[in-house]
Structure formats: structure tokens, C-alpha cells
Amino acid sequence: MYILDAGNDRIQRWWPGSTYGVTVAAATLSSPRGIAFDPSGNLIVADYSSHRVVLFPVAC
């Protein structure tokens, strides 16, 4: 599961049963507001304060 954490400007991946998440996108984000995945599995983020859409390759 991917969690958008707008207050900390990051996206985290949480595995089932885990007690913590792993940050997969953070350094370039400023108030992320939405996430989606393209057909190839890449993470697409709506970066609100930067007025842009960012694509992050995601390794499965």
C-alpha cells in the first residue's frame, strides 16, 4: 500500500503486516496531494505547491 503523507512531503510504501513504512519519494516534493500509477507501474504524484505532476519509476 502507498500512503501520501502531505504534512511530511513524502510518499511511503507499507507492506501488509508491517509496523513502519519505507519512504519511496520525498526529496523533491512540496505538499503532494494525489497519487496514481500508470500502466507500467510507475508512481505519478500531483505536487501541489510546486504546481507540477511528477513521475517516479517504481521497482516491484
PDB file of N, CA and C in Angstrom:
ATOM      1  N   MET A   1       0.835  -1.147   0.000  1.00  0.00           N
ATOM      2  CA  MET A   1       0.000   0.000   0.000  1.00  0.00           C
ATOM      3  C   MET A   1       0.899   1.235   0.000  1.00  0.00           C
ATOM      4  N   TYR A   2       0.491   2.248  -0.759  1.00  0.00           N
ATOM      5  CA  TYR A   2       1.230   3.507  -0.798  1.00  0.00           C
ATOM      6  C   TYR A   2       0.436   4.568  -0.050  1.00  0.00           C
ATOM      7  N   ILE A   3       1.117   5.302   0.819  1.00  0.00           N
ATOM      8  CA  ILE A   3       0.489   6.332   1.645  1.00  0.00           C
ATOM      9  C   ILE A   3       1.085   7.688   1.281  1.00  0.00           C
ATOM     10  N   LEU A   4       0.213   8.642   0.977  1.00  0.00           N
ATOM     11  CA  LEU A   4       0.640  10.009   0.715  1.00  0.00           C
ATOM     12  C   LEU A   4       0.643  10.750   2.054  1.00  0.00           C
ATOM     13  N   ASP A   5       1.787  11.267   2.438  1.00  0.00           N
ATOM     14  CA  ASP A   5       1.952  11.996   3.697  1.00  0.00           C
ATOM     15  C   ASP A   5       2.249  13.456   3.356  1.00  0.00           C
ATOM     16  N   ALA A   6       1.188  14.241   3.125  1.00  0.00           N
ATOM     17  CA  ALA A   6       1.356  15.624   2.678  1.00  0.00           C
ATOM     18  C   ALA A   6       2.047  16.484   3.730  1.00  0.00           C
ATOM     19  N   GLY A   7       1.798  16.226   5.013  1.00  0.00           N
ATOM     20  CA  GLY A   7       2.405  17.019   6.077  1.00  0.00           C
ATOM     21  C   GLY A   7       3.912  16.882   6.144  1.00  0.00           C
ATOM     22  N   ASN A   8       4.420  15.740   5.713  1.00  0.00           N
ATOM     23  CA  ASN A   8       5.867  15.499   5.717  1.00  0.00           C
ATOM     24  C   ASN A   8       6.452  15.449   4.309  1.00  0.00           C
ATOM     25  N   ASP A   9       5.667  15.834   3.307  1.00  0.00           N
ATOM     26  CA  ASP A   9       6.129  15.913   1.910  1.00  0.00           C
ATOM     27  C   ASP A   9       6.762  14.618   1.424  1.00  0.00           C
ATOM     28  N   ARG A  10       6.042  13.499   1.586  1.00  0.00           N
ATOM     29  CA  ARG A  10       6.613  12.219   1.168  1.00  0.00           C
ATOM     30  C   ARG A  10       5.516  11.219   0.802  1.00  0.00           C
ATOM     31  N   ILE A  11       5.949  10.172   0.105  1.00  0.00           N
ATOM     32  CA  ILE A  11       5.116   9.017  -0.200  1.00  0.00           C
ATOM     33  C   ILE A  11       5.805   7.816   0.436  1.00  0.00           C
ATOM     34  N   GLN A  12       5.040   6.995   1.144  1.00  0.00           N
ATOM     35  CA  GLN A  12       5.613   5.804   1.762  1.00  0.00           C
ATOM     36  C   GLN A  12       4.926   4.546   1.245  1.00  0.00           C
ATOM     37  N   ARG A  13       5.696   3.462   1.190  1.00  0.00           N
ATOM     38  CA  ARG A  13       5.155   2.143   0.859  1.00  0.00           C
ATOM     39  C   ARG A  13       5.091   1.344   2.152  1.00  0.00           C
ATOM     40  N   TRP A  14       3.935   0.747   2.415  1.00  0.00           N
ATOM     41  CA  TRP A  14       3.723  -0.102   3.593  1.00  0.00           C
ATOM     42  C   TRP A  14       3.381  -1.494   3.108  1.00  0.00           C
ATOM     43  N   TRP A  15       4.097  -2.484   3.596  1.00  0.00           N
ATOM     44  CA  TRP A  15       3.822  -3.879   3.266  1.00  0.00           C
ATOM     45  C   TRP A  15       2.796  -4.428   4.249  1.00  0.00           C
ATOM     46  N   PRO A  16       1.951  -5.366   3.839  1.00  0.00           N
ATOM     47  CA  PRO A  16       0.963  -5.952   4.750  1.00  0.00           C
ATOM     48  C   PRO A  16       1.640  -6.512   6.004  1.00  0.00           C
ATOM     49  N   GLY A  17       1.088  -6.189   7.161  1.00  0.00           N
ATOM     50  CA  GLY A  17       1.613  -6.688   8.425  1.00  0.00           C
ATOM     51  C   GLY A  17       2.785  -5.914   8.990  1.00  0.00           C
ATOM     52  N   SER A  18       3.296  -4.917   8.247  1.00  0.00           N
ATOM     53  CA  SER A  18       4.456  -4.171   8.744  1.00  0.00           C
ATOM     54  C   SER A  18       4.020  -3.125   9.771  1.00  0.00           C
ATOM     55  N   THR A  19       4.960  -2.677  10.570  1.00  0.00           N
ATOM     56  CA  THR A  19       4.684  -1.659  11.580  1.00  0.00           C
ATOM     57  C   THR A  19       5.324  -0.314  11.234  1.00  0.00           C
ATOM     58  N   TYR A  20       5.920  -0.222  10.061  1.00  0.00           N
ATOM     59  CA  TYR A  20       6.514   1.026   9.603  1.00  0.00           C
ATOM     60  C   TYR A  20       6.496   1.058   8.082  1.00  0.00           C
ATOM     61  N   GLY A  21       6.589   2.257   7.525  1.00  0.00           N
ATOM     62  CA  GLY A  21       6.632   2.418   6.081  1.00  0.00           C
ATOM     63  C   GLY A  21       8.023   2.780   5.608  1.00  0.00           C
ATOM     64  N   VAL A  22       8.252   2.584   4.323  1.00  0.00           N
ATOM     65  CA  VAL A  22       9.520   2.937   3.688  1.00  0.00           C
ATOM     66  C   VAL A  22       9.248   4.111   2.750  1.00  0.00           C
ATOM     67  N   THR A  23       9.985   5.188   2.909  1.00  0.00           N
ATOM     68  CA  THR A  23       9.803   6.360   2.058  1.00  0.00           C
ATOM     69  C   THR A  23      10.324   6.060   0.658  1.00  0.00           C
ATOM     70  N   VAL A  24       9.459   6.245  -0.343  1.00  0.00           N
ATOM     71  CA  VAL A  24       9.844   5.974  -1.730  1.00  0.00           C
ATOM     72  C   VAL A  24       9.975   7.256  -2.547  1.00  0.00           C
ATOM     73  N   ALA A  25       9.431   8.359  -2.055  1.00  0.00           N
ATOM     74  CA  ALA A  25       9.552   9.643  -2.741  1.00  0.00           C
ATOM     75  C   ALA A  25       9.437  10.743  -1.697  1.00  0.00           C
ATOM     76  N   ALA A  26      10.404  11.667  -1.698  1.00  0.00           N
ATOM     77  CA  ALA A  26      10.338  12.739  -0.707  1.00  0.00           C
ATOM     78  C   ALA A  26      11.110  13.988  -1.109  1.00  0.00           C
ATOM     79  N   ALA A  27      12.362  13.850  -1.449  1.00  0.00           N
ATOM     80  CA  ALA A  27      13.281  14.991  -1.565  1.00  0.00           C
ATOM     81  C   ALA A  27      12.768  16.108  -2.466  1.00  0.00           C
ATOM     82  N   THR A  28      12.030  15.775  -3.501  1.00  0.00           N
ATOM     83  CA  THR A  28      11.618  16.797  -4.462  1.00  0.00           C
ATOM     84  C   THR A  28      10.166  17.223  -4.318  1.00  0.00           C
ATOM     85  N   LEU A  29       9.454  16.711  -3.317  1.00  0.00           N
ATOM     86  CA  LEU A  29       8.026  17.001  -3.195  1.00  0.00           C
ATOM     87  C   LEU A  29       7.757  18.178  -2.262  1.00  0.00           C
ATOM     88  N   SER A  30       6.676  18.909  -2.584  1.00  0.00           N
ATOM     89  CA  SER A  30       6.234  20.016  -1.750  1.00  0.00           C
ATOM     90  C   SER A  30       4.709  20.003  -1.720  1.00  0.00           C
ATOM     91  N   SER A  31       4.151  19.477  -0.656  1.00  0.00           N
ATOM     92  CA  SER A  31       2.699  19.337  -0.480  1.00  0.00           C
ATOM     93  C   SER A  31       2.061  18.428  -1.527  1.00  0.00           C
ATOM     94  N   PRO A  32       2.512  17.177  -1.612  1.00  0.00           N
ATOM     95  CA  PRO A  32       1.874  16.249  -2.551  1.00  0.00           C
ATOM     96  C   PRO A  32       0.409  16.062  -2.173  1.00  0.00           C
ATOM     97  N   ARG A  33      -0.476  15.971  -3.177  1.00  0.00           N
ATOM     98  CA  ARG A  33      -1.908  15.889  -2.909  1.00  0.00           C
ATOM     99  C   ARG A  33      -2.602  14.690  -3.534  1.00  0.00           C
ATOM    100  N   GLY A  34      -1.982  14.033  -4.497  1.00  0.00           N
ATOM    101  CA  GLY A  34      -2.631  12.891  -5.128  1.00  0.00           C
ATOM    102  C   GLY A  34      -1.612  11.946  -5.713  1.00  0.00           C
ATOM    103  N   ILE A  35      -1.951  10.645  -5.707  1.00  0.00           N
ATOM    104  CA  ILE A  35      -1.067   9.650  -6.311  1.00  0.00           C
ATOM    105  C   ILE A  35      -1.881   8.734  -7.210  1.00  0.00           C
ATOM    106  N   ALA A  36      -1.204   8.216  -8.211  1.00  0.00           N
ATOM    107  CA  ALA A  36      -1.788   7.246  -9.141  1.00  0.00           C
ATOM    108  C   ALA A  36      -0.640   6.432  -9.714  1.00  0.00           C
ATOM    109  N   PHE A  37      -0.984   5.380 -10.443  1.00  0.00           N
ATOM    110  CA  PHE A  37       0.018   4.552 -11.108  1.00  0.00           C
ATOM    111  C   PHE A  37      -0.315   4.469 -12.583  1.00  0.00           C
ATOM    112  N   ASP A  38       0.717   4.535 -13.436  1.00  0.00           N
ATOM    113  CA  ASP A  38       0.487   4.369 -14.867  1.00  0.00           C
ATOM    114  C   ASP A  38       0.478   2.875 -15.193  1.00  0.00           C
ATOM    115  N   PRO A  39       0.168   2.496 -16.443  1.00  0.00           N
ATOM    116  CA  PRO A  39       0.101   1.074 -16.802  1.00  0.00           C
ATOM    117  C   PRO A  39       1.406   0.305 -16.580  1.00  0.00           C
ATOM    118  N   SER A  40       2.534   1.001 -16.538  1.00  0.00           N
ATOM    119  CA  SER A  40       3.823   0.340 -16.304  1.00  0.00           C
ATOM    120  C   SER A  40       4.145   0.202 -14.821  1.00  0.00           C
ATOM    121  N   GLY A  41       3.293   0.735 -13.944  1.00  0.00           N
ATOM    122  CA  GLY A  41       3.518   0.638 -12.509  1.00  0.00           C
ATOM    123  C   GLY A  41       4.291   1.796 -11.913  1.00  0.00           C
ATOM    124  N   ASN A  42       4.591   2.815 -12.719  1.00  0.00           N
ATOM    125  CA  ASN A  42       5.289   3.991 -12.203  1.00  0.00           C
ATOM    126  C   ASN A  42       4.348   4.824 -11.340  1.00  0.00           C
ATOM    127  N   LEU A  43       4.886   5.453 -10.322  1.00  0.00           N
ATOM    128  CA  LEU A  43       4.122   6.281  -9.402  1.00  0.00           C
ATOM    129  C   LEU A  43       4.027   7.698  -9.959  1.00  0.00           C
ATOM    130  N   ILE A  44       2.815   8.222 -10.041  1.00  0.00           N
ATOM    131  CA  ILE A  44       2.570   9.585 -10.517  1.00  0.00           C
ATOM    132  C   ILE A  44       2.035  10.388  -9.337  1.00  0.00           C
ATOM    133  N   VAL A  45       2.655  11.537  -9.071  1.00  0.00           N
ATOM    134  CA  VAL A  45       2.297  12.344  -7.903  1.00  0.00           C
ATOM    135  C   VAL A  45       1.899  13.748  -8.346  1.00  0.00           C
ATOM    136  N   ALA A  46       0.763  14.231  -7.831  1.00  0.00           N
ATOM    137  CA  ALA A  46       0.368  15.625  -8.007  1.00  0.00           C
ATOM    138  C   ALA A  46       1.041  16.420  -6.894  1.00  0.00           C
ATOM    139  N   ASP A  47       1.997  17.249  -7.269  1.00  0.00           N
ATOM    140  CA  ASP A  47       2.797  18.022  -6.313  1.00  0.00           C
ATOM    141  C   ASP A  47       2.221  19.443  -6.252  1.00  0.00           C
ATOM    142  N   TYR A  48       1.339  19.662  -5.300  1.00  0.00           N
ATOM    143  CA  TYR A  48       0.507  20.863  -5.228  1.00  0.00           C
ATOM    144  C   TYR A  48       1.292  22.176  -5.177  1.00  0.00           C
ATOM    145  N   SER A  49       2.167  22.337  -4.211  1.00  0.00           N
ATOM    146  CA  SER A  49       2.871  23.615  -4.044  1.00  0.00           C
ATOM    147  C   SER A  49       3.837  23.923  -5.182  1.00  0.00           C
ATOM    148  N   SER A  50       4.314  22.885  -5.854  1.00  0.00           N
ATOM    149  CA  SER A  50       5.228  23.091  -6.983  1.00  0.00           C
ATOM    150  C   SER A  50       4.489  23.205  -8.311  1.00  0.00           C
ATOM    151  N   HIS A  51       3.165  23.025  -8.293  1.00  0.00           N
ATOM    152  CA  HIS A  51       2.340  23.143  -9.500  1.00  0.00           C
ATOM    153  C   HIS A  51       2.841  22.241 -10.620  1.00  0.00           C
ATOM    154  N   ARG A  52       2.998  20.951 -10.292  1.00  0.00           N
ATOM    155  CA  ARG A  52       3.518  20.020 -11.291  1.00  0.00           C
ATOM    156  C   ARG A  52       3.034  18.601 -11.003  1.00  0.00           C
ATOM    157  N   VAL A  53       3.240  17.756 -11.978  1.00  0.00           N
ATOM    158  CA  VAL A  53       2.999  16.319 -11.847  1.00  0.00           C
ATOM    159  C   VAL A  53       4.349  15.640 -12.003  1.00  0.00           C
ATOM    160  N   VAL A  54       4.678  14.732 -11.072  1.00  0.00           N
ATOM    161  CA  VAL A  54       5.990  14.086 -11.055  1.00  0.00           C
ATOM    162  C   VAL A  54       5.818  12.586 -11.232  1.00  0.00           C
ATOM    163  N   LEU A  55       6.665  11.976 -12.061  1.00  0.00           N
ATOM    164  CA  LEU A  55       6.652  10.532 -12.271  1.00  0.00           C
ATOM    165  C   LEU A  55       7.877   9.923 -11.606  1.00  0.00           C
ATOM    166  N   PHE A  56       7.638   8.899 -10.778  1.00  0.00           N
ATOM    167  CA  PHE A  56       8.717   8.165 -10.125  1.00  0.00           C
ATOM    168  C   PHE A  56       8.680   6.721 -10.594  1.00  0.00           C
ATOM    169  N   PRO A  57       9.769   6.209 -11.176  1.00  0.00           N
ATOM    170  CA  PRO A  57       9.815   4.782 -11.515  1.00  0.00           C
ATOM    171  C   PRO A  57       9.760   3.962 -10.225  1.00  0.00           C
ATOM    172  N   VAL A  58       8.958   2.906 -10.234  1.00  0.00           N
ATOM    173  CA  VAL A  58       8.814   2.060  -9.052  1.00  0.00           C
ATOM    174  C   VAL A  58       9.266   0.656  -9.398  1.00  0.00           C
ATOM    175  N   ALA A  59      10.245   0.161  -8.663  1.00  0.00           N
ATOM    176  CA  ALA A  59      10.698  -1.223  -8.836  1.00  0.00           C
ATOM    177  C   ALA A  59       9.850  -2.115  -7.945  1.00  0.00           C
ATOM    178  N   CYS A  60       9.319  -3.191  -8.508  1.00  0.00           N
ATOM    179  CA  CYS A  60       8.463  -4.098  -7.733  1.00  0.00           C
ATOM    180  C   CYS A  60       9.274  -5.167  -7.057  1.00  0.00           C
TER     181      CYS A  60
END
